[in-house]
Amino acid sequence: MAKRAFGNLFLYLGGVALATLILIDVALHYFVVKPVARLSATADEISRGNLEVNELPVRGKDEISVLASSFNRMYVSLRKALRLLEDQ
């Protein structure tokens, strides 16, 4: 009976550990990987000369949001600078 209880304990602990890992993976994908991938795709479009992309959405005050906000400022400054050069 003790062996079975010990086995069940490890089975439950393994299940909880697996569920925790899955939740952490989903959270990392949603809060880190997806925003960084969006930032990377937008930077790639701009580097190819496409200045008609939309600015990145900024939500929150975490590091990824601060990065997206800084990227948006840089993008707007680049567009303004290129328009000034075209006008001259």
PDB file of N, CA and C in Angstrom:
ATOM      1  N   MET A   1       0.839  -1.194   0.000  1.00  0.00           N
ATOM      2  CA  MET A   1       0.000   0.000   0.000  1.00  0.00           C
ATOM      3  C   MET A   1       0.882   1.256   0.000  1.00  0.00           C
ATOM      4  N   ALA A   2       1.984   1.212   0.768  1.00  0.00           N
ATOM      5  CA  ALA A   2       2.887   2.363   0.807  1.00  0.00           C
ATOM      6  C   ALA A   2       3.564   2.565  -0.535  1.00  0.00           C
ATOM      7  N   LYS A   3       3.909   1.449  -1.212  1.00  0.00           N
ATOM      8  CA  LYS A   3       4.539   1.560  -2.536  1.00  0.00           C
ATOM      9  C   LYS A   3       3.582   2.214  -3.533  1.00  0.00           C
ATOM     10  N   ARG A   4       2.325   1.810  -3.485  1.00  0.00           N
ATOM     11  CA  ARG A   4       1.336   2.375  -4.397  1.00  0.00           C
ATOM     12  C   ARG A   4       1.121   3.858  -4.114  1.00  0.00           C
ATOM     13  N   ALA A   5       1.051   4.250  -2.858  1.00  0.00           N
ATOM     14  CA  ALA A   5       0.894   5.657  -2.493  1.00  0.00           C
ATOM     15  C   ALA A   5       2.112   6.468  -2.926  1.00  0.00           C
ATOM     16  N   PHE A   6       3.298   5.867  -2.766  1.00  0.00           N
ATOM     17  CA  PHE A   6       4.530   6.550  -3.193  1.00  0.00           C
ATOM     18  C   PHE A   6       4.541   6.729  -4.714  1.00  0.00           C
ATOM     19  N   GLY A   7       4.109   5.705  -5.436  1.00  0.00           N
ATOM     20  CA  GLY A   7       4.019   5.789  -6.899  1.00  0.00           C
ATOM     21  C   GLY A   7       3.008   6.830  -7.341  1.00  0.00           C
ATOM     22  N   ASN A   8       1.869   6.860  -6.666  1.00  0.00           N
ATOM     23  CA  ASN A   8       0.843   7.865  -6.992  1.00  0.00           C
ATOM     24  C   ASN A   8       1.348   9.276  -6.724  1.00  0.00           C
ATOM     25  N   LEU A   9       2.091   9.432  -5.637  1.00  0.00           N
ATOM     26  CA  LEU A   9       2.651  10.741  -5.316  1.00  0.00           C
ATOM     27  C   LEU A   9       3.560  11.232  -6.439  1.00  0.00           C
ATOM     28  N   PHE A  10       4.449  10.370  -6.915  1.00  0.00           N
ATOM     29  CA  PHE A  10       5.339  10.758  -8.004  1.00  0.00           C
ATOM     30  C   PHE A  10       4.582  10.992  -9.303  1.00  0.00           C
ATOM     31  N   LEU A  11       3.534  10.225  -9.533  1.00  0.00           N
ATOM     32  CA  LEU A  11       2.705  10.436 -10.721  1.00  0.00           C
ATOM     33  C   LEU A  11       2.034  11.808 -10.667  1.00  0.00           C
ATOM     34  N   TYR A  12       1.476  12.160  -9.527  1.00  0.00           N
ATOM     35  CA  TYR A  12       0.828  13.465  -9.374  1.00  0.00           C
ATOM     36  C   TYR A  12       1.841  14.608  -9.462  1.00  0.00           C
ATOM     37  N   LEU A  13       2.990  14.424  -8.838  1.00  0.00           N
ATOM     38  CA  LEU A  13       4.025  15.459  -8.913  1.00  0.00           C
ATOM     39  C   LEU A  13       4.516  15.651 -10.342  1.00  0.00           C
ATOM     40  N   GLY A  14       4.656  14.554 -11.060  1.00  0.00           N
ATOM     41  CA  GLY A  14       5.044  14.646 -12.469  1.00  0.00           C
ATOM     42  C   GLY A  14       3.992  15.377 -13.292  1.00  0.00           C
ATOM     43  N   GLY A  15       2.724  15.094 -13.025  1.00  0.00           N
ATOM     44  CA  GLY A  15       1.638  15.776 -13.740  1.00  0.00           C
ATOM     45  C   GLY A  15       1.610  17.264 -13.456  1.00  0.00           C
ATOM     46  N   VAL A  16       1.800  17.611 -12.193  1.00  0.00           N
ATOM     47  CA  VAL A  16       1.827  19.035 -11.822  1.00  0.00           C
ATOM     48  C   VAL A  16       3.033  19.728 -12.465  1.00  0.00           C
ATOM     49  N   ALA A  17       4.180  19.065 -12.472  1.00  0.00           N
ATOM     50  CA  ALA A  17       5.373  19.647 -13.093  1.00  0.00           C
ATOM     51  C   ALA A  17       5.153  19.842 -14.589  1.00  0.00           C
ATOM     52  N   LEU A  18       4.560  18.867 -15.258  1.00  0.00           N
ATOM     53  CA  LEU A  18       4.287  18.978 -16.692  1.00  0.00           C
ATOM     54  C   LEU A  18       3.295  20.100 -16.980  1.00  0.00           C
ATOM     55  N   ALA A  19       2.240  20.179 -16.190  1.00  0.00           N
ATOM     56  CA  ALA A  19       1.254  21.255 -16.379  1.00  0.00           C
ATOM     57  C   ALA A  19       1.886  22.628 -16.153  1.00  0.00           C
ATOM     58  N   THR A  20       2.759  22.722 -15.158  1.00  0.00           N
ATOM     59  CA  THR A  20       3.448  23.991 -14.887  1.00  0.00           C
ATOM     60  C   THR A  20       4.347  24.378 -16.055  1.00  0.00           C
ATOM     61  N   LEU A  21       5.073  23.412 -16.591  1.00  0.00           N
ATOM     62  CA  LEU A  21       5.937  23.699 -17.744  1.00  0.00           C
ATOM     63  C   LEU A  21       5.132  24.150 -18.954  1.00  0.00           C
ATOM     64  N   ILE A  22       4.000  23.537 -19.178  1.00  0.00           N
ATOM     65  CA  ILE A  22       3.153  23.931 -20.300  1.00  0.00           C
ATOM     66  C   ILE A  22       2.627  25.350 -20.099  1.00  0.00           C
ATOM     67  N   LEU A  23       2.185  25.684 -18.902  1.00  0.00           N
ATOM     68  CA  LEU A  23       1.698  27.039 -18.625  1.00  0.00           C
ATOM     69  C   LEU A  23       2.805  28.081 -18.806  1.00  0.00           C
ATOM     70  N   ILE A  24       4.005  27.772 -18.336  1.00  0.00           N
ATOM     71  CA  ILE A  24       5.136  28.695 -18.503  1.00  0.00           C
ATOM     72  C   ILE A  24       5.463  28.869 -19.979  1.00  0.00           C
ATOM     73  N   ASP A  25       5.420  27.778 -20.744  1.00  0.00           N
ATOM     74  CA  ASP A  25       5.697  27.852 -22.177  1.00  0.00           C
ATOM     75  C   ASP A  25       4.677  28.723 -22.902  1.00  0.00           C
ATOM     76  N   VAL A  26       3.408  28.533 -22.574  1.00  0.00           N
ATOM     77  CA  VAL A  26       2.354  29.341 -23.202  1.00  0.00           C
ATOM     78  C   VAL A  26       2.518  30.819 -22.834  1.00  0.00           C
ATOM     79  N   ALA A  27       2.801  31.093 -21.571  1.00  0.00           N
ATOM     80  CA  ALA A  27       2.977  32.479 -21.131  1.00  0.00           C
ATOM     81  C   ALA A  27       4.185  33.123 -21.821  1.00  0.00           C
ATOM     82  N   LEU A  28       5.299  32.416 -21.914  1.00  0.00           N
ATOM     83  CA  LEU A  28       6.478  32.961 -22.590  1.00  0.00           C
ATOM     84  C   LEU A  28       6.187  33.229 -24.058  1.00  0.00           C
ATOM     85  N   HIS A  29       5.469  32.322 -24.697  1.00  0.00           N
ATOM     86  CA  HIS A  29       5.146  32.526 -26.110  1.00  0.00           C
ATOM     87  C   HIS A  29       4.277  33.765 -26.296  1.00  0.00           C
ATOM     88  N   TYR A  30       3.272  33.921 -25.449  1.00  0.00           N
ATOM     89  CA  TYR A  30       2.336  35.025 -25.595  1.00  0.00           C
ATOM     90  C   TYR A  30       2.954  36.368 -25.214  1.00  0.00           C
ATOM     91  N   PHE A  31       3.742  36.410 -24.145  1.00  0.00           N
ATOM     92  CA  PHE A  31       4.253  37.678 -23.637  1.00  0.00           C
ATOM     93  C   PHE A  31       5.638  38.052 -24.135  1.00  0.00           C
ATOM     94  N   VAL A  32       6.409  37.119 -24.665  1.00  0.00           N
ATOM     95  CA  VAL A  32       7.775  37.425 -25.099  1.00  0.00           C
ATOM     96  C   VAL A  32       7.981  37.104 -26.578  1.00  0.00           C
ATOM     97  N   VAL A  33       7.789  35.860 -26.956  1.00  0.00           N
ATOM     98  CA  VAL A  33       8.127  35.421 -28.307  1.00  0.00           C
ATOM     99  C   VAL A  33       7.278  36.124 -29.365  1.00  0.00           C
ATOM    100  N   LYS A  34       5.985  36.177 -29.155  1.00  0.00           N
ATOM    101  CA  LYS A  34       5.087  36.783 -30.139  1.00  0.00           C
ATOM    102  C   LYS A  34       5.378  38.278 -30.348  1.00  0.00           C
ATOM    103  N   PRO A  35       5.510  39.093 -29.277  1.00  0.00           N
ATOM    104  CA  PRO A  35       5.837  40.503 -29.499  1.00  0.00           C
ATOM    105  C   PRO A  35       7.212  40.723 -30.143  1.00  0.00           C
ATOM    106  N   VAL A  36       8.200  39.923 -29.760  1.00  0.00           N
ATOM    107  CA  VAL A  36       9.531  40.078 -30.354  1.00  0.00           C
ATOM    108  C   VAL A  36       9.504  39.660 -31.823  1.00  0.00           C
ATOM    109  N   ALA A  37       8.746  38.631 -32.160  1.00  0.00           N
ATOM    110  CA  ALA A  37       8.617  38.216 -33.557  1.00  0.00           C
ATOM    111  C   ALA A  37       7.932  39.311 -34.378  1.00  0.00           C
ATOM    112  N   ARG A  38       6.927  39.958 -33.807  1.00  0.00           N
ATOM    113  CA  ARG A  38       6.249  41.057 -34.499  1.00  0.00           C
ATOM    114  C   ARG A  38       7.210  42.236 -34.722  1.00  0.00           C
ATOM    115  N   LEU A  39       8.006  42.539 -33.701  1.00  0.00           N
ATOM    116  CA  LEU A  39       9.009  43.599 -33.808  1.00  0.00           C
ATOM    117  C   LEU A  39      10.030  43.257 -34.878  1.00  0.00           C
ATOM    118  N   SER A  40      10.479  42.023 -34.903  1.00  0.00           N
ATOM    119  CA  SER A  40      11.458  41.582 -35.888  1.00  0.00           C
ATOM    120  C   SER A  40      10.899  41.659 -37.312  1.00  0.00           C
ATOM    121  N   ALA A  41       9.659  41.234 -37.496  1.00  0.00           N
ATOM    122  CA  ALA A  41       9.038  41.284 -38.821  1.00  0.00           C
ATOM    123  C   ALA A  41       8.885  42.729 -39.299  1.00  0.00           C
ATOM    124  N   THR A  42       8.502  43.621 -38.407  1.00  0.00           N
ATOM    125  CA  THR A  42       8.358  45.035 -38.771  1.00  0.00           C
ATOM    126  C   THR A  42       9.710  45.640 -39.114  1.00  0.00           C
ATOM    127  N   ALA A  43      10.733  45.333 -38.333  1.00  0.00           N
ATOM    128  CA  ALA A  43      12.085  45.834 -38.620  1.00  0.00           C
ATOM    129  C   ALA A  43      12.570  45.314 -39.958  1.00  0.00           C
ATOM    130  N   ASP A  44      12.251  44.072 -40.281  1.00  0.00           N
ATOM    131  CA  ASP A  44      12.646  43.496 -41.567  1.00  0.00           C
ATOM    132  C   ASP A  44      11.967  44.221 -42.717  1.00  0.00           C
ATOM    133  N   GLU A  45      10.680  44.527 -42.566  1.00  0.00           N
ATOM    134  CA  GLU A  45       9.966  45.265 -43.610  1.00  0.00           C
ATOM    135  C   GLU A  45      10.571  46.654 -43.821  1.00  0.00           C
ATOM    136  N   ILE A  46      10.875  47.334 -42.736  1.00  0.00           N
ATOM    137  CA  ILE A  46      11.454  48.673 -42.841  1.00  0.00           C
ATOM    138  C   ILE A  46      12.826  48.602 -43.490  1.00  0.00           C
ATOM    139  N   SER A  47      13.617  47.583 -43.155  1.00  0.00           N
ATOM    140  CA  SER A  47      14.955  47.468 -43.742  1.00  0.00           C
ATOM    141  C   SER A  47      14.901  47.191 -45.233  1.00  0.00           C
ATOM    142  N   ARG A  48      13.789  46.668 -45.716  1.00  0.00           N
ATOM    143  CA  ARG A  48      13.615  46.425 -47.151  1.00  0.00           C
ATOM    144  C   ARG A  48      13.071  47.653 -47.877  1.00  0.00           C
ATOM    145  N   GLY A  49      12.869  48.734 -47.132  1.00  0.00           N
ATOM    146  CA  GLY A  49      12.426  49.975 -47.747  1.00  0.00           C
ATOM    147  C   GLY A  49      10.936  50.216 -47.672  1.00  0.00           C
ATOM    148  N   ASN A  50      10.201  49.344 -47.054  1.00  0.00           N
ATOM    149  CA  ASN A  50       8.756  49.517 -46.910  1.00  0.00           C
ATOM    150  C   ASN A  50       8.485  50.393 -45.691  1.00  0.00           C
ATOM    151  N   LEU A  51       8.218  51.672 -45.938  1.00  0.00           N
ATOM    152  CA  LEU A  51       7.950  52.604 -44.845  1.00  0.00           C
ATOM    153  C   LEU A  51       6.458  52.810 -44.618  1.00  0.00           C
ATOM    154  N   GLU A  52       5.656  51.960 -45.206  1.00  0.00           N
ATOM    155  CA  GLU A  52       4.202  52.066 -45.047  1.00  0.00           C
ATOM    156  C   GLU A  52       3.655  51.017 -44.090  1.00  0.00           C
ATOM    157  N   VAL A  53       4.477  50.557 -43.176  1.00  0.00           N
ATOM    158  CA  VAL A  53       4.009  49.574 -42.188  1.00  0.00           C
ATOM    159  C   VAL A  53       3.349  50.301 -41.029  1.00  0.00           C
ATOM    160  N   ASN A  54       2.487  49.615 -40.325  1.00  0.00           N
ATOM    161  CA  ASN A  54       1.825  50.187 -39.152  1.00  0.00           C
ATOM    162  C   ASN A  54       2.776  50.182 -37.963  1.00  0.00           C
ATOM    163  N   GLU A  55       2.594  51.169 -37.089  1.00  0.00           N
ATOM    164  CA  GLU A  55       3.387  51.182 -35.866  1.00  0.00           C
ATOM    165  C   GLU A  55       2.976  50.004 -34.995  1.00  0.00           C
ATOM    166  N   LEU A  56       3.895  49.575 -34.170  1.00  0.00           N
ATOM    167  CA  LEU A  56       3.627  48.440 -33.293  1.00  0.00           C
ATOM    168  C   LEU A  56       2.708  48.851 -32.154  1.00  0.00           C
ATOM    169  N   PRO A  57       1.777  47.977 -31.770  1.00  0.00           N
ATOM    170  CA  PRO A  57       0.921  48.295 -30.619  1.00  0.00           C
ATOM    171  C   PRO A  57       1.727  48.223 -29.330  1.00  0.00           C
ATOM    172  N   VAL A  58       1.509  49.197 -28.462  1.00  0.00           N
ATOM    173  CA  VAL A  58       2.221  49.235 -27.182  1.00  0.00           C
ATOM    174  C   VAL A  58       1.188  49.081 -26.079  1.00  0.00           C
ATOM    175  N   ARG A  59       1.323  47.986 -25.311  1.00  0.00           N
ATOM    176  CA  ARG A  59       0.429  47.725 -24.191  1.00  0.00           C
ATOM    177  C   ARG A  59       1.269  47.433 -22.959  1.00  0.00           C
ATOM    178  N   GLY A  60       1.015  48.120 -21.894  1.00  0.00           N
ATOM    179  CA  GLY A  60       1.726  47.857 -20.648  1.00  0.00           C
ATOM    180  C   GLY A  60       2.974  48.711 -20.506  1.00  0.00           C
ATOM    181  N   LYS A  61       3.754  48.385 -19.476  1.00  0.00           N
ATOM    182  CA  LYS A  61       4.983  49.126 -19.202  1.00  0.00           C
ATOM    183  C   LYS A  61       6.145  48.179 -18.951  1.00  0.00           C
ATOM    184  N   ASP A  62       6.061  46.975 -19.508  1.00  0.00           N
ATOM    185  CA  ASP A  62       7.157  46.031 -19.336  1.00  0.00           C
ATOM    186  C   ASP A  62       8.266  46.325 -20.349  1.00  0.00           C
ATOM    187  N   GLU A  63       9.320  45.540 -20.315  1.00  0.00           N
ATOM    188  CA  GLU A  63      10.484  45.789 -21.157  1.00  0.00           C
ATOM    189  C   GLU A  63      10.159  45.670 -22.644  1.00  0.00           C
ATOM    190  N   ILE A  64       9.314  44.716 -23.006  1.00  0.00           N
ATOM    191  CA  ILE A  64       8.938  44.541 -24.409  1.00  0.00           C
ATOM    192  C   ILE A  64       8.128  45.746 -24.889  1.00  0.00           C
ATOM    193  N   SER A  65       7.255  46.270 -24.056  1.00  0.00           N
ATOM    194  CA  SER A  65       6.469  47.456 -24.426  1.00  0.00           C
ATOM    195  C   SER A  65       7.361  48.675 -24.574  1.00  0.00           C
ATOM    196  N   VAL A  66       8.345  48.829 -23.696  1.00  0.00           N
ATOM    197  CA  VAL A  66       9.287  49.938 -23.799  1.00  0.00           C
ATOM    198  C   VAL A  66      10.091  49.817 -25.088  1.00  0.00           C
ATOM    199  N   LEU A  67      10.508  48.598 -25.440  1.00  0.00           N
ATOM    200  CA  LEU A  67      11.233  48.373 -26.679  1.00  0.00           C
ATOM    201  C   LEU A  67      10.368  48.727 -27.889  1.00  0.00           C
ATOM    202  N   ALA A  68       9.114  48.305 -27.881  1.00  0.00           N
ATOM    203  CA  ALA A  68       8.208  48.620 -28.992  1.00  0.00           C
ATOM    204  C   ALA A  68       7.980  50.121 -29.095  1.00  0.00           C
ATOM    205  N   SER A  69       7.848  50.806 -27.978  1.00  0.00           N
ATOM    206  CA  SER A  69       7.667  52.261 -27.990  1.00  0.00           C
ATOM    207  C   SER A  69       8.901  52.959 -28.556  1.00  0.00           C
ATOM    208  N   SER A  70      10.071  52.524 -28.156  1.00  0.00           N
ATOM    209  CA  SER A  70      11.307  53.107 -28.689  1.00  0.00           C
ATOM    210  C   SER A  70      11.435  52.838 -30.181  1.00  0.00           C
ATOM    211  N   PHE A  71      11.065  51.636 -30.594  1.00  0.00           N
ATOM    212  CA  PHE A  71      11.110  51.294 -32.013  1.00  0.00           C
ATOM    213  C   PHE A  71      10.158  52.179 -32.805  1.00  0.00           C
ATOM    214  N   ASN A  72       8.960  52.420 -32.273  1.00  0.00           N
ATOM    215  CA  ASN A  72       8.008  53.292 -32.958  1.00  0.00           C
ATOM    216  C   ASN A  72       8.549  54.711 -33.109  1.00  0.00           C
ATOM    217  N   ARG A  73       9.200  55.227 -32.045  1.00  0.00           N
ATOM    218  CA  ARG A  73       9.793  56.570 -32.139  1.00  0.00           C
ATOM    219  C   ARG A  73      10.880  56.611 -33.199  1.00  0.00           C
ATOM    220  N   MET A  74      11.715  55.591 -33.247  1.00  0.00           N
ATOM    221  CA  MET A  74      12.771  55.529 -34.243  1.00  0.00           C
ATOM    222  C   MET A  74      12.180  55.463 -35.656  1.00  0.00           C
ATOM    223  N   TYR A  75      11.123  54.693 -35.817  1.00  0.00           N
ATOM    224  CA  TYR A  75      10.468  54.549 -37.114  1.00  0.00           C
ATOM    225  C   TYR A  75       9.878  55.882 -37.581  1.00  0.00           C
ATOM    226  N   VAL A  76       9.212  56.598 -36.682  1.00  0.00           N
ATOM    227  CA  VAL A  76       8.637  57.898 -37.035  1.00  0.00           C
ATOM    228  C   VAL A  76       9.746  58.890 -37.382  1.00  0.00           C
ATOM    229  N   SER A  77      10.831  58.893 -36.630  1.00  0.00           N
ATOM    230  CA  SER A  77      11.958  59.791 -36.926  1.00  0.00           C
ATOM    231  C   SER A  77      12.581  59.469 -38.272  1.00  0.00           C
ATOM    232  N   LEU A  78      12.707  58.196 -38.584  1.00  0.00           N
ATOM    233  CA  LEU A  78      13.262  57.790 -39.871  1.00  0.00           C
ATOM    234  C   LEU A  78      12.375  58.244 -41.015  1.00  0.00           C
ATOM    235  N   ARG A  79      11.069  58.083 -40.871  1.00  0.00           N
ATOM    236  CA  ARG A  79      10.149  58.539 -41.923  1.00  0.00           C
ATOM    237  C   ARG A  79      10.247  60.047 -42.122  1.00  0.00           C
ATOM    238  N   LYS A  80      10.300  60.802 -41.023  1.00  0.00           N
ATOM    239  CA  LYS A  80      10.413  62.254 -41.135  1.00  0.00           C
ATOM    240  C   LYS A  80      11.720  62.662 -41.799  1.00  0.00           C
ATOM    241  N   ALA A  81      12.807  62.016 -41.425  1.00  0.00           N
ATOM    242  CA  ALA A  81      14.108  62.340 -41.998  1.00  0.00           C
ATOM    243  C   ALA A  81      14.133  62.034 -43.502  1.00  0.00           C
ATOM    244  N   LEU A  82      13.562  60.915 -43.886  1.00  0.00           N
ATOM    245  CA  LEU A  82      13.531  60.578 -45.312  1.00  0.00           C
ATOM    246  C   LEU A  82      12.640  61.527 -46.096  1.00  0.00           C
ATOM    247  N   ARG A  83      11.548  61.972 -45.509  1.00  0.00           N
ATOM    248  CA  ARG A  83      10.693  62.955 -46.193  1.00  0.00           C
ATOM    249  C   ARG A  83      11.421  64.283 -46.356  1.00  0.00           C
ATOM    250  N   LEU A  84      12.174  64.704 -45.337  1.00  0.00           N
ATOM    251  CA  LEU A  84      12.949  65.940 -45.461  1.00  0.00           C
ATOM    252  C   LEU A  84      13.996  65.813 -46.564  1.00  0.00           C
ATOM    253  N   LEU A  85      14.643  64.678 -46.670  1.00  0.00           N
ATOM    254  CA  LEU A  85      15.631  64.472 -47.732  1.00  0.00           C
ATOM    255  C   LEU A  85      14.986  64.475 -49.100  1.00  0.00           C
ATOM    256  N   GLU A  86      13.789  63.888 -49.211  1.00  0.00           N
ATOM    257  CA  GLU A  86      13.089  63.876 -50.491  1.00  0.00           C
ATOM    258  C   GLU A  86      12.626  65.261 -50.903  1.00  0.00           C
ATOM    259  N   ASP A  87      12.278  66.095 -49.932  1.00  0.00           N
ATOM    260  CA  ASP A  87      11.799  67.435 -50.223  1.00  0.00           C
ATOM    261  C   ASP A  87      12.922  68.362 -50.688  1.00  0.00           C
ATOM    262  N   GLN A  88      14.152  68.042 -50.323  1.00  0.00           N
ATOM    263  CA  GLN A  88      15.265  68.938 -50.693  1.00  0.00           C
ATOM    264  C   GLN A  88      15.728  68.692 -52.065  1.00  0.00           C
TER     265      GLN A  88
END
